[in-house]
Amino acid sequence: MSAYPTLDTLMSLYLGQDSFYFTGERDASKCIDFYLKNESEETKAELLDELFDFVSEHNDALTENFNRRYRHSIYDYADVCGFLELINDK
């Protein structure tokens, strides 16, 4: 079982290669908006907890570990911290 099931769902379903068919959007920020609009407050809280845990556990090589785990997603691979902040700020 994954240590980050909520984050995995966001990245594979809402931001995965086929995300357009699920969200109707091609832009990662709009896909995140779709996710947040359609998920419960409990799920959003779980996502924030998992983001914090991921950053804490992979802080020494955050970008490398994030990109390895979520390499098939449509977000901008160059700025993982900015991407995570985007999710947190929404």
Protein backbone atom coordinates (compact mmCIF):
# COMPACT_ATOMS: atom_id res chain seq x y z
CA MET A 1 0.00 0.00 0.00
CA SER A 2 1.20 3.50 -0.82
CA ALA A 3 2.28 5.95 1.85
CA TYR A 4 0.64 8.70 -0.22
CA PRO A 5 -2.66 7.37 -1.60
CA THR A 6 -4.36 10.77 -1.91
CA LEU A 7 -1.35 12.38 -3.58
CA ASP A 8 -1.05 9.36 -5.87
CA THR A 9 -4.69 9.78 -6.92
CA LEU A 10 -4.19 13.47 -7.67
CA MET A 11 -1.06 12.82 -9.69
CA SER A 12 -2.22 9.75 -11.61
CA LEU A 13 -5.88 10.49 -12.22
CA TYR A 14 -6.29 14.26 -12.15
CA LEU A 15 -2.79 15.10 -13.42
CA GLY A 16 -1.94 11.92 -15.27
CA GLN A 17 -1.38 11.47 -18.99
CA ASP A 18 -5.12 10.98 -19.57
CA SER A 19 -6.26 13.74 -17.22
CA PHE A 20 -7.96 15.66 -20.04
CA TYR A 21 -10.49 12.85 -20.43
CA PHE A 22 -11.27 13.00 -16.73
CA THR A 23 -11.12 16.75 -16.04
CA GLY A 24 -11.70 18.30 -19.46
CA GLU A 25 -8.62 20.46 -18.83
CA ARG A 26 -5.07 20.44 -20.22
CA ASP A 27 -3.59 22.95 -17.77
CA ALA A 28 -2.27 21.48 -14.49
CA SER A 29 -3.57 24.39 -12.41
CA LYS A 30 -7.08 23.93 -13.81
CA CYS A 31 -6.87 20.19 -13.18
CA ILE A 32 -6.01 20.93 -9.54
CA ASP A 33 -8.99 23.30 -9.35
CA PHE A 34 -11.20 20.49 -10.71
CA TYR A 35 -9.83 18.11 -8.10
CA LEU A 36 -10.39 20.52 -5.24
CA LYS A 37 -13.91 21.35 -6.41
CA ASN A 38 -14.90 17.68 -6.54
CA GLU A 39 -13.23 16.24 -3.45
CA SER A 40 -14.37 16.38 0.17
CA GLU A 41 -12.79 18.58 2.82
CA GLU A 42 -11.50 15.40 4.47
CA THR A 43 -9.73 14.34 1.28
CA LYS A 44 -8.23 17.81 0.86
CA ALA A 45 -6.90 17.66 4.43
CA GLU A 46 -5.42 14.22 3.73
CA LEU A 47 -3.73 15.62 0.62
CA LEU A 48 -2.12 18.44 2.60
CA ASP A 49 -0.93 15.97 5.24
CA GLU A 50 0.56 13.74 2.56
CA LEU A 51 2.27 16.69 0.87
CA PHE A 52 3.85 17.66 4.18
CA ASP A 53 4.92 14.06 4.80
CA PHE A 54 6.38 13.70 1.30
CA VAL A 55 8.40 16.89 1.61
CA SER A 56 9.59 15.92 5.10
CA GLU A 57 10.59 12.41 4.06
CA HIS A 58 12.26 13.41 0.77
CA ASN A 59 13.60 16.85 1.58
CA ASP A 60 17.18 15.89 0.77
CA ALA A 61 16.25 15.00 -2.84
CA LEU A 62 12.71 16.32 -3.20
CA THR A 63 12.71 17.10 -6.92
CA GLU A 64 14.44 13.86 -7.89
CA ASN A 65 12.13 11.68 -5.76
CA PHE A 66 8.96 13.50 -6.81
CA ASN A 67 9.85 13.33 -10.49
CA ARG A 68 10.74 9.64 -10.23
CA ARG A 69 7.46 8.81 -8.52
CA TYR A 70 5.20 11.01 -10.68
CA ARG A 71 7.08 11.10 -13.99
CA HIS A 72 3.94 10.49 -16.05
CA SER A 73 2.06 13.52 -14.76
CA ILE A 74 1.40 16.75 -16.66
CA TYR A 75 2.86 19.22 -14.15
CA ASP A 76 6.01 21.28 -14.79
CA TYR A 77 8.85 18.98 -13.74
CA ALA A 78 11.33 21.82 -13.26
CA ASP A 79 9.71 23.41 -10.21
CA VAL A 80 8.49 20.75 -7.79
CA CYS A 81 8.50 23.13 -4.81
CA GLY A 82 6.45 25.66 -6.77
CA PHE A 83 4.06 22.93 -7.84
CA LEU A 84 3.58 21.73 -4.27
CA GLU A 85 3.09 25.31 -3.10
CA LEU A 86 0.45 25.78 -5.83
CA ILE A 87 -1.52 22.86 -4.42
CA ASN A 88 -1.07 24.07 -0.85
CA ASP A 89 -2.12 27.65 -1.71
CA LYS A 90 -5.34 26.57 -3.42
